[in-house]
Amino acid sequence: MKRLLATLLVVIGVAPHCFAPPPLVTGDVPTADKGLFEWYVGGRYQESESGSPARPLPFTELVYGISDRQELTFEIAGLSREHHYGINDAVVGTKYVLLRETSQLPGIAGSFELKLPTGDESRGLGSGEFDYDLRLRGQKTWGWFTAIGNVGYTFVTDPDFGGVRQSAENVWLLTLGQEYQVAKRTKLLSELYFVSREEPGGANRLAANVGFKHKLRENLTVHAAVGKSVREANRGGPDLRVYAGFKWEFDAPWKKHE
């Protein structure tokens, strides 16, 4: 039973609702421009209190703007579990801007994500179930400073390991992120986030990240973040979280023929 619970903790402890928006956990309000793709490619490394060996893992997300207010997303990442390595459960989603930011009012957006059971459940690389994530995002900029807040809730389906149904709790996510425009092409980033426990009797997570975004070219950005738990003895994890990667923006091929 302890082994099964450890497997459960690792699988849903790295679920996409904790990682979706690179490089931070906090997701912003604006969507990709209509007819524009945003492609995120990077790697992440996380040490957790589960004791499972940590290793750098690839991550990619493709975003497409279908209108001036809505985008579609698809993401997938690598996952390492004991001596098994492969692809984690993929995620598809959409984000819609409910209220555009003005000089007086913040921008507000809502998003929905669906986790697909694409990971190999038999090797502990997926839960074998669908999870549903709802998130409300708010964002306001004052000069060189931007504040971003998220409230999210994930409906977690109880996973099945070795024919034994395991109990899992639905997850709350609360985040407060900040961006600091320190140069024309450079922003510094910080955030504090809370993730409620996924496993009954487990610990809630309270953690922080700091990072940066820097535009190498008009359509190419490099970004990275590093962080850890801010609770005593890293309770709730992670002991260490690192993400680094690139964001490439490009027009859809069919847009050039319009």
Protein backbone atom coordinates (compact mmCIF):
# COMPACT_ATOMS: atom_id res chain seq x y z
CA MET A 1 0.00 0.00 0.00
CA LYS A 2 2.85 2.43 0.78
CA ARG A 3 4.29 1.77 -2.67
CA LEU A 4 0.96 2.44 -4.32
CA LEU A 5 0.52 5.68 -2.41
CA ALA A 6 4.03 6.78 -3.36
CA THR A 7 3.22 6.13 -7.01
CA LEU A 8 0.02 8.12 -6.70
CA LEU A 9 1.88 11.04 -5.13
CA VAL A 10 4.46 11.17 -7.91
CA VAL A 11 1.99 10.85 -10.79
CA ILE A 12 -0.50 13.48 -9.72
CA GLY A 13 2.13 15.52 -7.90
CA VAL A 14 3.57 16.49 -11.29
CA ALA A 15 0.18 16.85 -12.95
CA PRO A 16 -0.13 19.63 -15.53
CA HIS A 17 -2.19 21.92 -13.31
CA CYS A 18 1.07 22.74 -11.52
CA PHE A 19 3.12 23.37 -14.65
CA ALA A 20 0.96 24.53 -17.52
CA PRO A 21 2.17 28.10 -18.11
CA PRO A 22 5.97 28.29 -18.56
CA PRO A 23 8.07 29.44 -16.91
CA LEU A 24 5.85 30.18 -13.87
CA VAL A 25 2.83 28.41 -12.41
CA THR A 26 0.77 31.62 -12.65
CA GLY A 27 -0.98 32.00 -16.01
CA ASP A 28 -1.46 35.40 -17.67
CA VAL A 29 -4.62 36.88 -19.21
CA PRO A 30 -3.75 37.82 -22.84
CA THR A 31 -4.18 35.19 -25.56
CA ALA A 32 -2.10 34.54 -28.66
CA ASP A 33 -2.97 36.92 -31.51
CA LYS A 34 -5.50 35.63 -34.04
CA GLY A 35 -3.81 33.36 -36.58
CA LEU A 36 -0.55 33.26 -34.57
CA PHE A 37 1.16 30.20 -33.07
CA GLU A 38 3.19 30.33 -29.86
CA TRP A 39 5.49 27.33 -29.39
CA TYR A 40 7.11 26.71 -26.01
CA VAL A 41 10.04 24.30 -25.88
CA GLY A 42 12.08 23.70 -22.75
CA GLY A 43 13.08 21.45 -19.93
CA ARG A 44 12.17 21.19 -16.28
CA TYR A 45 13.74 19.60 -13.26
CA GLN A 46 11.99 18.95 -9.99
CA GLU A 47 13.05 17.31 -6.76
CA SER A 48 10.21 16.21 -4.50
CA GLU A 49 9.89 14.67 -1.09
CA SER A 50 8.71 11.37 -2.66
CA GLY A 51 12.31 10.19 -2.95
CA SER A 52 11.93 9.33 -6.64
CA PRO A 53 15.12 10.10 -8.64
CA ALA A 54 14.97 13.51 -10.31
CA ARG A 55 16.20 14.20 -13.83
CA PRO A 56 15.81 16.97 -16.45
CA LEU A 57 12.61 16.40 -18.44
CA PRO A 58 11.50 17.87 -21.79
CA PHE A 59 8.38 20.01 -22.07
CA THR A 60 6.53 21.48 -25.05
CA GLU A 61 3.32 23.46 -25.47
CA LEU A 62 1.70 24.74 -28.67
CA VAL A 63 -0.75 27.65 -28.49
CA TYR A 64 -2.90 28.96 -31.36
CA GLY A 65 -4.99 32.13 -31.41
CA ILE A 66 -8.36 31.34 -32.99
CA SER A 67 -9.81 34.82 -32.41
CA ASP A 68 -8.94 38.16 -30.82
CA ARG A 69 -10.09 36.77 -27.46
CA GLN A 70 -9.57 32.99 -27.54
CA GLU A 71 -6.71 30.52 -27.93
CA LEU A 72 -6.32 26.74 -28.04
CA THR A 73 -3.47 24.89 -26.31
CA PHE A 74 -1.83 21.47 -26.41
CA GLU A 75 1.01 20.41 -24.11
CA ILE A 76 2.96 17.28 -23.32
CA ALA A 77 6.01 16.54 -21.20
CA GLY A 78 8.43 13.82 -20.25
CA LEU A 79 8.09 12.00 -16.94
CA SER A 80 10.53 9.87 -14.96
CA ARG A 81 9.25 7.33 -12.45
CA GLU A 82 11.82 5.11 -10.69
CA HIS A 83 13.45 3.23 -13.62
CA HIS A 84 10.73 4.15 -16.11
CA TYR A 85 10.90 7.11 -18.48
CA GLY A 86 8.39 8.24 -21.08
CA ILE A 87 5.62 10.68 -21.92
CA ASN A 88 3.27 12.05 -19.27
CA ASP A 89 -0.46 12.58 -19.77
CA ALA A 90 -1.08 15.24 -22.44
CA VAL A 91 -3.27 18.30 -21.88
CA VAL A 92 -5.59 20.18 -24.26
CA GLY A 93 -7.25 23.42 -23.30
CA THR A 94 -8.61 26.81 -24.20
CA LYS A 95 -8.46 30.33 -22.74
CA TYR A 96 -10.96 33.14 -23.34
CA VAL A 97 -10.57 36.81 -22.41
CA LEU A 98 -13.73 37.89 -20.61
CA LEU A 99 -12.63 41.50 -20.03
CA ARG A 100 -9.80 43.35 -21.72
CA GLU A 101 -7.49 45.35 -19.48
CA THR A 102 -7.98 49.13 -19.49
CA SER A 103 -6.32 52.00 -17.62
CA GLN A 104 -8.95 51.59 -14.88
CA LEU A 105 -9.91 47.91 -14.97
CA PRO A 106 -7.90 44.67 -14.86
CA GLY A 107 -8.01 42.10 -17.61
CA ILE A 108 -9.94 38.93 -16.77
CA ALA A 109 -9.81 35.55 -18.53
CA GLY A 110 -11.11 32.06 -17.93
CA SER A 111 -9.50 28.81 -19.01
CA PHE A 112 -10.40 25.13 -19.23
CA GLU A 113 -7.93 22.25 -19.50
CA LEU A 114 -8.54 18.54 -20.03
CA LYS A 115 -5.83 16.03 -19.07
CA LEU A 116 -5.82 13.06 -21.43
CA PRO A 117 -4.77 9.54 -20.29
CA THR A 118 -1.91 9.29 -22.82
CA GLY A 119 0.80 8.25 -20.35
CA ASP A 120 1.59 4.57 -19.80
CA GLU A 121 -0.44 3.76 -16.70
CA SER A 122 1.20 0.34 -16.24
CA ARG A 123 4.62 1.99 -15.78
CA GLY A 124 3.36 4.79 -13.53
CA LEU A 125 3.66 7.43 -16.26
CA GLY A 126 -0.01 8.40 -16.24
CA SER A 127 -3.14 8.15 -14.15
CA GLY A 128 -5.24 6.40 -16.83
CA GLU A 129 -8.02 8.90 -16.15
CA PHE A 130 -9.32 12.27 -17.37
CA ASP A 131 -8.89 15.33 -15.13
CA TYR A 132 -10.63 18.69 -15.67
CA ASP A 133 -9.15 22.04 -14.70
CA LEU A 134 -10.93 25.42 -14.49
CA ARG A 135 -9.02 28.63 -13.86
CA LEU A 136 -9.97 32.31 -13.49
CA ARG A 137 -7.15 34.79 -14.19
CA GLY A 138 -6.81 38.50 -13.46
CA GLN A 139 -4.07 40.90 -14.56
CA LYS A 140 -3.31 44.64 -14.16
CA THR A 141 -0.29 46.71 -15.22
CA TRP A 142 0.88 49.93 -13.61
CA GLY A 143 3.81 51.32 -15.58
CA TRP A 144 6.73 48.92 -15.15
CA PHE A 145 4.88 46.59 -12.74
CA THR A 146 2.28 43.91 -13.53
CA ALA A 147 0.30 41.87 -10.98
CA ILE A 148 -1.33 38.58 -12.01
CA GLY A 149 -3.64 36.43 -9.89
CA ASN A 150 -5.12 32.97 -10.55
CA VAL A 151 -7.79 30.89 -8.85
CA GLY A 152 -8.10 27.34 -10.16
CA TYR A 153 -9.88 24.08 -9.34
CA THR A 154 -9.04 20.65 -10.76
CA PHE A 155 -11.53 17.78 -10.74
CA VAL A 156 -9.28 14.73 -10.23
CA THR A 157 -10.58 11.28 -11.18
CA ASP A 158 -9.43 8.58 -8.76
CA PRO A 159 -6.61 6.70 -10.52
CA ASP A 160 -6.37 2.92 -10.76
CA PHE A 161 -3.00 1.25 -10.03
CA GLY A 162 -2.61 -2.51 -10.41
CA GLY A 163 -6.37 -2.95 -10.45
CA VAL A 164 -6.71 -1.10 -7.14
CA ARG A 165 -8.67 2.15 -7.14
CA GLN A 166 -6.78 4.87 -5.24
CA SER A 167 -8.38 7.87 -3.59
CA ALA A 168 -7.48 11.35 -4.83
CA GLU A 169 -8.82 14.75 -3.83
CA ASN A 170 -9.84 17.60 -6.10
CA VAL A 171 -7.22 20.36 -6.12
CA TRP A 172 -7.38 24.10 -5.42
CA LEU A 173 -4.78 26.42 -6.93
CA LEU A 174 -4.18 30.01 -5.76
CA THR A 175 -1.36 32.09 -7.21
CA LEU A 176 -0.05 35.65 -7.09
CA GLY A 177 2.55 36.52 -9.73
CA GLN A 178 4.50 39.67 -10.52
CA GLU A 179 6.35 40.97 -13.59
CA TYR A 180 8.90 43.79 -13.46
CA GLN A 181 9.85 45.54 -16.73
CA VAL A 182 13.53 46.27 -16.02
CA ALA A 183 14.59 46.88 -19.64
CA LYS A 184 12.95 47.21 -23.07
CA ARG A 185 13.31 43.48 -23.77
CA THR A 186 13.66 42.07 -20.25
CA LYS A 187 11.22 41.27 -17.45
CA LEU A 188 11.95 39.84 -14.03
CA LEU A 189 9.35 37.45 -12.59
CA SER A 190 8.23 36.27 -9.16
CA GLU A 191 5.29 34.40 -7.70
CA LEU A 192 3.87 32.73 -4.62
CA TYR A 193 1.46 29.85 -5.13
CA PHE A 194 -0.67 27.44 -3.12
CA VAL A 195 -1.75 23.97 -4.30
CA SER A 196 -4.03 21.90 -2.06
CA ARG A 197 -3.14 18.28 -1.40
CA GLU A 198 -3.98 15.64 -4.01
CA GLU A 199 -3.60 12.65 -1.67
CA PRO A 200 -5.84 12.28 1.41
CA GLY A 201 -3.73 13.03 4.46
CA GLY A 202 -1.00 14.63 2.35
CA ALA A 203 0.46 18.10 2.75
CA ASN A 204 -0.70 21.25 1.00
CA ARG A 205 1.94 23.02 -1.10
CA LEU A 206 3.04 26.64 -0.58
CA ALA A 207 5.94 27.54 -2.82
CA ALA A 208 7.62 30.41 -4.64
CA ASN A 209 9.46 30.95 -7.94
CA VAL A 210 11.64 33.71 -9.37
CA GLY A 211 12.72 34.05 -12.99
CA PHE A 212 13.02 36.20 -16.09
CA LYS A 213 11.87 36.67 -19.70
CA HIS A 214 14.16 38.18 -22.32
CA LYS A 215 13.35 38.83 -25.98
CA LEU A 216 16.21 37.68 -28.18
CA ARG A 217 14.28 38.71 -31.29
CA GLU A 218 10.82 40.11 -31.92
CA ASN A 219 9.39 36.58 -32.19
CA LEU A 220 11.81 34.64 -29.96
CA THR A 221 11.96 34.79 -26.15
CA VAL A 222 14.14 32.94 -23.67
CA HIS A 223 12.77 32.45 -20.16
CA ALA A 224 13.59 30.55 -16.98
CA ALA A 225 12.48 30.20 -13.36
CA VAL A 226 13.68 28.49 -10.19
CA GLY A 227 11.86 27.94 -6.92
CA LYS A 228 11.02 25.73 -3.96
CA SER A 229 8.65 25.21 -1.07
CA VAL A 230 8.50 28.00 1.49
CA ARG A 231 7.17 25.71 4.23
CA GLU A 232 9.36 24.31 6.99
CA ALA A 233 11.41 21.30 5.83
CA ASN A 234 9.97 21.86 2.33
CA ARG A 235 6.72 20.25 3.48
CA GLY A 236 4.36 19.75 0.53
CA GLY A 237 7.27 20.18 -1.90
CA PRO A 238 8.93 20.81 -4.14
CA ASP A 239 12.45 20.68 -2.74
CA LEU A 240 13.57 22.34 -5.99
CA ARG A 241 11.86 23.30 -9.25
CA VAL A 242 13.71 24.62 -12.32
CA TYR A 243 12.33 25.45 -15.77
CA ALA A 244 14.19 26.94 -18.75
CA GLY A 245 13.14 27.22 -22.37
CA PHE A 246 12.17 29.28 -25.39
CA LYS A 247 8.98 30.76 -26.81
CA TRP A 248 8.76 31.10 -30.59
CA GLU A 249 5.93 33.03 -32.25
CA PHE A 250 5.04 32.48 -35.92
CA ASP A 251 2.12 32.93 -38.30
CA ALA A 252 -0.05 29.98 -39.25
CA PRO A 253 0.90 28.74 -42.77
CA TRP A 254 -2.63 29.29 -44.05
CA LYS A 255 -2.64 32.91 -42.82
CA LYS A 256 0.01 33.83 -45.41
CA HIS A 257 -2.39 32.86 -48.21
CA GLU A 258 -5.31 34.93 -46.97
